[in-house]
C-alpha atoms as a PDB file:
ATOM      1  CA  MET A   1     -30.517  10.075  -5.029  1.00  0.00           C
ATOM      2  CA  ASN A   2     -29.721  10.323  -1.323  1.00  0.00           C
ATOM      3  CA  ARG A   3     -28.001  13.681  -0.961  1.00  0.00           C
ATOM      4  CA  ASP A   4     -25.878  12.309   1.893  1.00  0.00           C
ATOM      5  CA  ASP A   5     -23.941  10.125  -0.561  1.00  0.00           C
ATOM      6  CA  TRP A   6     -23.523  12.838  -3.200  1.00  0.00           C
ATOM      7  CA  TYR A   7     -19.835  11.937  -3.614  1.00  0.00           C
ATOM      8  CA  ARG A   8     -20.773   8.576  -5.155  1.00  0.00           C
ATOM      9  CA  HIS A   9     -22.452  10.351  -8.077  1.00  0.00           C
ATOM     10  CA  TRP A  10     -20.613  13.619  -8.720  1.00  0.00           C
ATOM     11  CA  PHE A  11     -17.036  12.376  -9.243  1.00  0.00           C
ATOM     12  CA  GLY A  12     -17.792  10.605 -12.488  1.00  0.00           C
ATOM     13  CA  ALA A  13     -17.864  11.198 -16.239  1.00  0.00           C
ATOM     14  CA  ASP A  14     -19.356  14.708 -16.082  1.00  0.00           C
ATOM     15  CA  TYR A  15     -16.823  15.827 -13.475  1.00  0.00           C
ATOM     16  CA  LEU A  16     -13.981  14.577 -15.669  1.00  0.00           C
ATOM     17  CA  ALA A  17     -15.443  16.176 -18.781  1.00  0.00           C
ATOM     18  CA  LEU A  18     -15.619  19.572 -17.088  1.00  0.00           C
ATOM     19  CA  TYR A  19     -12.380  19.407 -15.098  1.00  0.00           C
ATOM     20  CA  PRO A  20     -10.017  17.073 -16.991  1.00  0.00           C
ATOM     21  CA  HIS A  21      -6.851  18.716 -15.699  1.00  0.00           C
ATOM     22  CA  ARG A  22      -7.133  20.218 -12.236  1.00  0.00           C
ATOM     23  CA  ASP A  23      -4.222  22.535 -11.528  1.00  0.00           C
ATOM     24  CA  ARG A  24      -1.021  20.479 -11.742  1.00  0.00           C
ATOM     25  CA  ASP A  25       1.149  23.413 -10.676  1.00  0.00           C
ATOM     26  CA  GLU A  26      -0.914  23.653  -7.511  1.00  0.00           C
ATOM     27  CA  ALA A  27      -0.461  19.915  -6.930  1.00  0.00           C
ATOM     28  CA  ARG A  28       3.297  20.217  -7.405  1.00  0.00           C
ATOM     29  CA  GLN A  29       3.440  23.067  -4.891  1.00  0.00           C
ATOM     30  CA  ALA A  30       1.355  21.131  -2.359  1.00  0.00           C
ATOM     31  CA  VAL A  31       3.612  18.082  -2.653  1.00  0.00           C
ATOM     32  CA  GLU A  32       6.743  20.192  -2.312  1.00  0.00           C
ATOM     33  CA  LEU A  33       5.328  21.698   0.884  1.00  0.00           C
ATOM     34  CA  LEU A  34       4.689  18.212   2.266  1.00  0.00           C
ATOM     35  CA  LEU A  35       8.146  16.910   1.373  1.00  0.00           C
ATOM     36  CA  SER A  36       9.803  19.952   2.918  1.00  0.00           C
ATOM     37  CA  CYS A  37       8.148  19.100   6.243  1.00  0.00           C
ATOM     38  CA  ILE A  38       8.846  15.386   6.543  1.00  0.00           C
ATOM     39  CA  GLN A  39      11.845  13.115   6.558  1.00  0.00           C
ATOM     40  CA  LEU A  40      10.874  10.234   4.325  1.00  0.00           C
ATOM     41  CA  PRO A  41      13.153   7.166   4.246  1.00  0.00           C
ATOM     42  CA  ALA A  42      14.316   5.817   0.901  1.00  0.00           C
ATOM     43  CA  ASP A  43      11.664   3.084   1.013  1.00  0.00           C
ATOM     44  CA  GLY A  44       8.984   5.385   2.426  1.00  0.00           C
ATOM     45  CA  ARG A  45       5.415   5.105   1.191  1.00  0.00           C
ATOM     46  CA  ILE A  46       2.740   7.801   1.120  1.00  0.00           C
ATOM     47  CA  LEU A  47      -0.995   7.127   0.883  1.00  0.00           C
ATOM     48  CA  ASP A  48      -3.033   9.795  -0.921  1.00  0.00           C
ATOM     49  CA  LEU A  49      -6.656   9.591   0.239  1.00  0.00           C
ATOM     50  CA  ALA A  50      -9.266  10.577  -2.358  1.00  0.00           C
ATOM     51  CA  CYS A  51      -6.491  10.756  -4.946  1.00  0.00           C
ATOM     52  CA  GLY A  52      -8.884  11.544  -7.777  1.00  0.00           C
ATOM     53  CA  ALA A  53      -7.240  11.608 -11.205  1.00  0.00           C
ATOM     54  CA  GLY A  54      -3.801  11.300  -9.619  1.00  0.00           C
ATOM     55  CA  ARG A  55      -2.263  14.750  -9.997  1.00  0.00           C
ATOM     56  CA  HIS A  56      -0.627  14.656  -6.545  1.00  0.00           C
ATOM     57  CA  LEU A  57       0.626  11.119  -7.185  1.00  0.00           C
ATOM     58  CA  GLU A  58       2.292  12.368 -10.364  1.00  0.00           C
ATOM     59  CA  ALA A  59       3.957  15.146  -8.391  1.00  0.00           C
ATOM     60  CA  LEU A  60       5.171  12.629  -5.794  1.00  0.00           C
ATOM     61  CA  ALA A  61       6.540  10.367  -8.524  1.00  0.00           C
ATOM     62  CA  ALA A  62       8.472  13.314  -9.985  1.00  0.00           C
ATOM     63  CA  HIS A  63      10.329  13.420  -6.658  1.00  0.00           C
ATOM     64  CA  GLY A  64      10.946   9.675  -6.693  1.00  0.00           C
ATOM     65  CA  VAL A  65       8.390   9.004  -3.948  1.00  0.00           C
ATOM     66  CA  ARG A  66       6.286   5.843  -3.926  1.00  0.00           C
ATOM     67  CA  GLY A  67       2.697   6.998  -3.778  1.00  0.00           C
ATOM     68  CA  VAL A  68      -0.386   4.861  -3.303  1.00  0.00           C
ATOM     69  CA  GLY A  69      -3.725   6.322  -4.350  1.00  0.00           C
ATOM     70  CA  LEU A  70      -7.114   5.502  -2.858  1.00  0.00           C
ATOM     71  CA  ASP A  71     -10.404   6.740  -4.277  1.00  0.00           C
ATOM     72  CA  LEU A  72     -14.018   5.614  -4.468  1.00  0.00           C
ATOM     73  CA  SER A  73     -14.548   6.805  -8.058  1.00  0.00           C
ATOM     74  CA  SER A  74     -13.769   4.245 -10.748  1.00  0.00           C
ATOM     75  CA  HIS A  75     -13.894   7.058 -13.335  1.00  0.00           C
ATOM     76  CA  LEU A  76     -11.216   9.111 -11.589  1.00  0.00           C
ATOM     77  CA  LEU A  77      -9.037   6.063 -10.949  1.00  0.00           C
ATOM     78  CA  ALA A  78      -9.221   5.138 -14.622  1.00  0.00           C
ATOM     79  CA  ARG A  79      -7.954   8.613 -15.492  1.00  0.00           C
ATOM     80  CA  ALA A  80      -5.199   8.308 -12.872  1.00  0.00           C
ATOM     81  CA  ARG A  81      -3.999   5.105 -14.537  1.00  0.00           C
ATOM     82  CA  GLU A  82      -3.417   7.089 -17.735  1.00  0.00           C
ATOM     83  CA  GLY A  83      -1.045   9.511 -15.968  1.00  0.00           C
ATOM     84  CA  ASP A  84       2.686   9.491 -15.439  1.00  0.00           C
ATOM     85  CA  GLY A  85       4.392   7.651 -12.614  1.00  0.00           C
ATOM     86  CA  SER A  86       2.504   4.331 -12.755  1.00  0.00           C
ATOM     87  CA  PRO A  87       1.130   4.673  -9.210  1.00  0.00           C
ATOM     88  CA  CYS A  88      -0.489   1.906  -7.198  1.00  0.00           C
ATOM     89  CA  LEU A  89      -4.222   2.633  -7.170  1.00  0.00           C
ATOM     90  CA  VAL A  90      -6.965   1.141  -5.018  1.00  0.00           C
ATOM     91  CA  ARG A  91     -10.723   1.641  -5.156  1.00  0.00           C
ATOM     92  CA  ALA A  92     -12.062   1.860  -1.607  1.00  0.00           C
ATOM     93  CA  ASP A  93     -13.983   3.929   0.920  1.00  0.00           C
ATOM     94  CA  MET A  94     -11.685   6.079   3.076  1.00  0.00           C
ATOM     95  CA  ARG A  95     -13.598   4.976   6.176  1.00  0.00           C
ATOM     96  CA  ARG A  96     -12.312   1.443   5.569  1.00  0.00           C
ATOM     97  CA  ILE A  97      -8.765   1.678   4.245  1.00  0.00           C
ATOM     98  CA  PRO A  98      -7.759  -1.757   2.863  1.00  0.00           C
ATOM     99  CA  PHE A  99      -4.184  -1.780   4.141  1.00  0.00           C
ATOM    100  CA  SER A 100      -2.523  -3.330   7.146  1.00  0.00           C
ATOM    101  CA  ASN A 101      -1.633  -1.480  10.320  1.00  0.00           C
ATOM    102  CA  MET A 102       1.381   0.850  10.138  1.00  0.00           C
ATOM    103  CA  ALA A 103       1.703   0.468   6.353  1.00  0.00           C
ATOM    104  CA  PHE A 104       2.590   4.100   5.523  1.00  0.00           C
ATOM    105  CA  HIS A 105       5.097   6.730   6.575  1.00  0.00           C
ATOM    106  CA  ALA A 106       2.690   9.535   5.634  1.00  0.00           C
ATOM    107  CA  VAL A 107      -0.935   9.985   4.573  1.00  0.00           C
ATOM    108  CA  THR A 108      -2.318  12.963   2.662  1.00  0.00           C
ATOM    109  CA  SER A 109      -5.789  14.383   2.213  1.00  0.00           C
ATOM    110  CA  PHE A 110      -5.415  17.120  -0.394  1.00  0.00           C
ATOM    111  CA  PHE A 111      -7.880  19.637  -1.825  1.00  0.00           C
ATOM    112  CA  THR A 112     -10.784  19.340   0.651  1.00  0.00           C
ATOM    113  CA  SER A 113     -11.281  15.577   0.588  1.00  0.00           C
ATOM    114  CA  PHE A 114     -12.488  15.535   4.200  1.00  0.00           C
ATOM    115  CA  GLY A 115     -15.852  16.414   5.723  1.00  0.00           C
ATOM    116  CA  TYR A 116     -17.878  14.695   3.008  1.00  0.00           C
ATOM    117  CA  PHE A 117     -19.998  12.617   5.359  1.00  0.00           C
ATOM    118  CA  ALA A 118     -23.257  13.775   6.915  1.00  0.00           C
ATOM    119  CA  HIS A 119     -22.608  12.058  10.226  1.00  0.00           C
ATOM    120  CA  GLU A 120     -19.778  13.166  12.477  1.00  0.00           C
ATOM    121  CA  ARG A 121     -18.914   9.576  13.350  1.00  0.00           C
ATOM    122  CA  ASP A 122     -18.035   8.877   9.718  1.00  0.00           C
ATOM    123  CA  ASN A 123     -15.644  11.809   9.463  1.00  0.00           C
ATOM    124  CA  ARG A 124     -14.031  10.697  12.729  1.00  0.00           C
ATOM    125  CA  ALA A 125     -13.779   7.175  11.329  1.00  0.00           C
ATOM    126  CA  VAL A 126     -11.540   8.514   8.547  1.00  0.00           C
ATOM    127  CA  LEU A 127      -9.125   9.953  11.107  1.00  0.00           C
ATOM    128  CA  ASP A 128      -9.134   6.664  13.021  1.00  0.00           C
ATOM    129  CA  GLU A 129      -8.341   4.692   9.869  1.00  0.00           C
ATOM    130  CA  VAL A 130      -5.530   7.044   8.929  1.00  0.00           C
ATOM    131  CA  ARG A 131      -4.049   6.628  12.407  1.00  0.00           C
ATOM    132  CA  ARG A 132      -4.265   2.848  12.045  1.00  0.00           C
ATOM    133  CA  VAL A 133      -2.322   2.710   8.759  1.00  0.00           C
ATOM    134  CA  LEU A 134       0.297   5.297   9.799  1.00  0.00           C
ATOM    135  CA  ARG A 135       3.585   4.173  11.262  1.00  0.00           C
ATOM    136  CA  PRO A 136       4.563   5.567  14.685  1.00  0.00           C
ATOM    137  CA  GLY A 137       6.004   9.003  14.110  1.00  0.00           C
ATOM    138  CA  GLY A 138       4.185   9.248  10.778  1.00  0.00           C
ATOM    139  CA  ILE A 139       2.664  12.447   9.380  1.00  0.00           C
ATOM    140  CA  PHE A 140      -0.896  13.139   8.257  1.00  0.00           C
ATOM    141  CA  LEU A 141      -1.373  16.181   6.023  1.00  0.00           C
ATOM    142  CA  LEU A 142      -4.942  17.511   6.047  1.00  0.00           C
ATOM    143  CA  ASP A 143      -5.574  20.182   3.395  1.00  0.00           C
ATOM    144  CA  PHE A 144      -8.992  21.767   3.853  1.00  0.00           C
ATOM    145  CA  LEU A 145     -10.946  24.816   2.781  1.00  0.00           C
ATOM    146  CA  ASN A 146     -10.906  27.869   5.037  1.00  0.00           C
ATOM    147  CA  ALA A 147     -14.453  27.715   6.379  1.00  0.00           C
ATOM    148  CA  ASP A 148     -14.477  31.301   7.661  1.00  0.00           C
ATOM    149  CA  ARG A 149     -13.437  32.571   4.248  1.00  0.00           C
ATOM    150  CA  VAL A 150     -16.025  30.393   2.492  1.00  0.00           C
ATOM    151  CA  VAL A 151     -18.799  31.831   4.681  1.00  0.00           C
ATOM    152  CA  ALA A 152     -17.593  35.421   4.203  1.00  0.00           C
ATOM    153  CA  THR A 153     -17.201  35.218   0.421  1.00  0.00           C
ATOM    154  CA  LEU A 154     -19.944  32.781  -0.619  1.00  0.00           C
ATOM    155  CA  ARG A 155     -21.353  33.462  -4.083  1.00  0.00           C
ATOM    156  CA  PRO A 156     -24.957  32.205  -4.156  1.00  0.00           C
ATOM    157  CA  ARG A 157     -24.909  31.629  -7.908  1.00  0.00           C
ATOM    158  CA  ASP A 158     -22.637  31.741 -10.914  1.00  0.00           C
ATOM    159  CA  GLU A 159     -22.939  30.601 -14.501  1.00  0.00           C
ATOM    160  CA  GLN A 160     -20.303  29.883 -17.113  1.00  0.00           C
ATOM    161  CA  VAL A 161     -19.646  27.837 -20.232  1.00  0.00           C
ATOM    162  CA  ILE A 162     -16.990  25.160 -19.760  1.00  0.00           C
ATOM    163  CA  ARG A 163     -15.867  23.031 -22.703  1.00  0.00           C
ATOM    164  CA  GLY A 164     -19.102  23.708 -24.585  1.00  0.00           C
ATOM    165  CA  ARG A 165     -21.402  23.046 -21.638  1.00  0.00           C
ATOM    166  CA  ARG A 166     -23.334  25.594 -19.613  1.00  0.00           C
ATOM    167  CA  VAL A 167     -22.640  25.095 -15.916  1.00  0.00           C
ATOM    168  CA  VAL A 168     -24.751  26.757 -13.229  1.00  0.00           C
ATOM    169  CA  GLN A 169     -23.549  26.528  -9.634  1.00  0.00           C
ATOM    170  CA  GLU A 170     -25.880  27.425  -6.768  1.00  0.00           C
ATOM    171  CA  ARG A 171     -24.474  27.599  -3.229  1.00  0.00           C
ATOM    172  CA  ARG A 172     -26.055  27.893   0.194  1.00  0.00           C
ATOM    173  CA  LEU A 173     -25.117  27.519   3.838  1.00  0.00           C
ATOM    174  CA  LEU A 174     -26.988  25.003   5.979  1.00  0.00           C
ATOM    175  CA  GLU A 175     -27.193  23.945   9.613  1.00  0.00           C
ATOM    176  CA  GLY A 176     -26.283  27.335  10.979  1.00  0.00           C
ATOM    177  CA  GLU A 177     -23.308  27.798   8.629  1.00  0.00           C
ATOM    178  CA  ARG A 178     -21.985  24.354   9.530  1.00  0.00           C
ATOM    179  CA  VAL A 179     -22.387  22.925   6.010  1.00  0.00           C
ATOM    180  CA  VAL A 180     -21.892  24.375   2.539  1.00  0.00           C
ATOM    181  CA  GLU A 181     -23.970  22.864  -0.238  1.00  0.00           C
ATOM    182  CA  LYS A 182     -23.371  23.411  -3.931  1.00  0.00           C
ATOM    183  CA  ARG A 183     -25.825  22.344  -6.604  1.00  0.00           C
ATOM    184  CA  ILE A 184     -24.315  21.905 -10.071  1.00  0.00           C
ATOM    185  CA  LEU A 185     -26.555  22.030 -13.150  1.00  0.00           C
ATOM    186  CA  ILE A 186     -24.944  21.049 -16.453  1.00  0.00           C
ATOM    187  CA  ARG A 187     -26.549  21.584 -19.842  1.00  0.00           C
ATOM    188  CA  THR A 188     -25.125  20.850 -23.267  1.00  0.00           C
ATOM    189  CA  GLU A 189     -25.625  23.771 -25.605  1.00  0.00           C
ATOM    190  CA  ALA A 190     -26.951  22.589 -28.965  1.00  0.00           C
ATOM    191  CA  GLU A 191     -26.370  25.185 -31.663  1.00  0.00           C
ATOM    192  CA  GLY A 192     -29.667  26.426 -33.060  1.00  0.00           C
ATOM    193  CA  GLU A 193     -31.650  24.313 -30.628  1.00  0.00           C
ATOM    194  CA  GLY A 194     -31.329  26.262 -27.379  1.00  0.00           C
ATOM    195  CA  VAL A 195     -30.150  24.608 -24.199  1.00  0.00           C
ATOM    196  CA  GLY A 196     -30.532  20.875 -23.666  1.00  0.00           C
ATOM    197  CA  PRO A 197     -31.787  19.024 -20.574  1.00  0.00           C
ATOM    198  CA  ALA A 198     -29.807  19.470 -17.384  1.00  0.00           C
ATOM    199  CA  GLN A 199     -27.811  17.000 -15.356  1.00  0.00           C
ATOM    200  CA  SER A 200     -27.898  17.836 -11.662  1.00  0.00           C
ATOM    201  CA  TYR A 201     -25.300  17.063  -8.979  1.00  0.00           C
ATOM    202  CA  THR A 202     -24.719  18.126  -5.402  1.00  0.00           C
ATOM    203  CA  GLU A 203     -21.676  18.741  -3.213  1.00  0.00           C
ATOM    204  CA  ARG A 204     -21.989  18.965   0.579  1.00  0.00           C
ATOM    205  CA  VAL A 205     -19.008  19.614   2.829  1.00  0.00           C
ATOM    206  CA  ARG A 206     -19.014  20.135   6.592  1.00  0.00           C
ATOM    207  CA  LEU A 207     -17.464  23.487   7.427  1.00  0.00           C
ATOM    208  CA  TYR A 208     -14.912  22.653  10.071  1.00  0.00           C
ATOM    209  CA  ARG A 209     -13.029  25.716  11.295  1.00  0.00           C
ATOM    210  CA  ALA A 210      -9.259  25.432  11.732  1.00  0.00           C
ATOM    211  CA  HIS A 211      -9.474  25.049  15.506  1.00  0.00           C
ATOM    212  CA  GLU A 212     -12.170  22.381  15.121  1.00  0.00           C
ATOM    213  CA  LEU A 213      -9.987  20.359  12.765  1.00  0.00           C
ATOM    214  CA  ALA A 214      -7.136  20.578  15.270  1.00  0.00           C
ATOM    215  CA  THR A 215      -9.454  19.416  18.059  1.00  0.00           C
ATOM    216  CA  LEU A 216     -10.666  16.474  15.966  1.00  0.00           C
ATOM    217  CA  LEU A 217      -7.098  15.443  15.206  1.00  0.00           C
ATOM    218  CA  GLU A 218      -5.984  15.701  18.812  1.00  0.00           C
ATOM    219  CA  ALA A 219      -9.004  13.710  19.999  1.00  0.00           C
ATOM    220  CA  ALA A 220      -8.053  10.999  17.487  1.00  0.00           C
ATOM    221  CA  GLY A 221      -4.528  10.706  18.893  1.00  0.00           C
ATOM    222  CA  TYR A 222      -2.557  13.121  16.730  1.00  0.00           C
ATOM    223  CA  ARG A 223      -0.461  16.158  17.614  1.00  0.00           C
ATOM    224  CA  VAL A 224      -0.708  19.121  15.245  1.00  0.00           C
ATOM    225  CA  VAL A 225       2.877  20.155  14.519  1.00  0.00           C
ATOM    226  CA  GLN A 226       2.411  22.760  11.787  1.00  0.00           C
ATOM    227  CA  ARG A 227      -0.264  25.009  10.337  1.00  0.00           C
ATOM    228  CA  TYR A 228      -0.200  26.716   6.936  1.00  0.00           C
ATOM    229  CA  GLY A 229      -2.602  28.950   5.039  1.00  0.00           C
ATOM    230  CA  ASP A 230      -1.531  28.159   1.473  1.00  0.00           C
ATOM    231  CA  TYR A 231       0.597  25.779  -0.584  1.00  0.00           C
ATOM    232  CA  ALA A 232       3.548  28.157  -0.502  1.00  0.00           C
ATOM    233  CA  GLY A 233       3.813  27.635   3.254  1.00  0.00           C
ATOM    234  CA  GLY A 234       2.286  30.983   4.210  1.00  0.00           C
ATOM    235  CA  ALA A 235       0.989  31.591   7.716  1.00  0.00           C
ATOM    236  CA  LEU A 236      -2.579  30.566   8.505  1.00  0.00           C
ATOM    237  CA  GLY A 237      -4.916  33.512   9.015  1.00  0.00           C
ATOM    238  CA  PRO A 238      -8.591  34.491   8.656  1.00  0.00           C
ATOM    239  CA  ASP A 239      -8.200  35.279   4.945  1.00  0.00           C
ATOM    240  CA  SER A 240      -5.973  32.342   4.016  1.00  0.00           C
ATOM    241  CA  PRO A 241      -7.195  30.382   0.988  1.00  0.00           C
ATOM    242  CA  ARG A 242      -6.502  27.032   2.675  1.00  0.00           C
ATOM    243  CA  VAL A 243      -6.214  25.408   6.099  1.00  0.00           C
ATOM    244  CA  ILE A 244      -3.308  22.956   5.940  1.00  0.00           C
ATOM    245  CA  LEU A 245      -2.530  21.011   9.095  1.00  0.00           C
ATOM    246  CA  LEU A 246       0.367  18.606   9.557  1.00  0.00           C
ATOM    247  CA  ALA A 247      -0.304  16.166  12.368  1.00  0.00           C
ATOM    248  CA  SER A 248       2.158  13.736  13.856  1.00  0.00           C
ATOM    249  CA  LEU A 249       1.446  10.333  15.298  1.00  0.00           C
ATOM    250  CA  SER A 250       3.393   9.929  18.497  1.00  0.00           C
ATOM    251  CA  PRO A 251       5.775   6.921  18.585  1.00  0.00           C
ATOM    252  CA  ASP A 252       3.742   5.254  21.331  1.00  0.00           C
ATOM    253  CA  SER A 253       0.351   5.589  19.571  1.00  0.00           C
END
């Protein structure tokens, strides 16, 4: 497996088995933060990039908002189709969004769904595609990890049993603390027979600092209009759990 395309392999059946219900309360809070910051028309549409199993789409639907979900994982999209809200779902690569220009009033990237690509040009391509499908005056919400906090608090290894499976996670910083890599080893525990063979997966995310994300957005034609450090709308600081940037597309973009 090419470790640069780790995302094609990890977000599948094992991911769903271990994490069948990511925090829905957190998703509701994140959506409420978004909706408090934008003025969405009655027919407004929001695109959720890397929508996964659809928890943010469900939260949008609870507010009567038409959400469209895009993800590369057929497993996660299948789970999203089982959820509430009957969202429109599309399987695609976020570097090539299969929608026409100016199709959406807002685009979201929740829960660190950015920085997956090894080459900078690919991460920039995502921002360019989002700009293309946003209407003038539209809002892009980018919800990312706090890289400084990740570096300061990194746990090299942990081990736990999740839903009857032993999960070992090994983390390391690469490229001069520019990338965090996590290796996930999953073993099924067979009673009386010890521990079974392991499945191995990798996560690699580029550690953009908050100011670097803002620079990337501005270079791509956005204007950062708000910064938050958590889903409750708290101020962004060195110890914030999240880096949440709201970027506006100027009417003449």
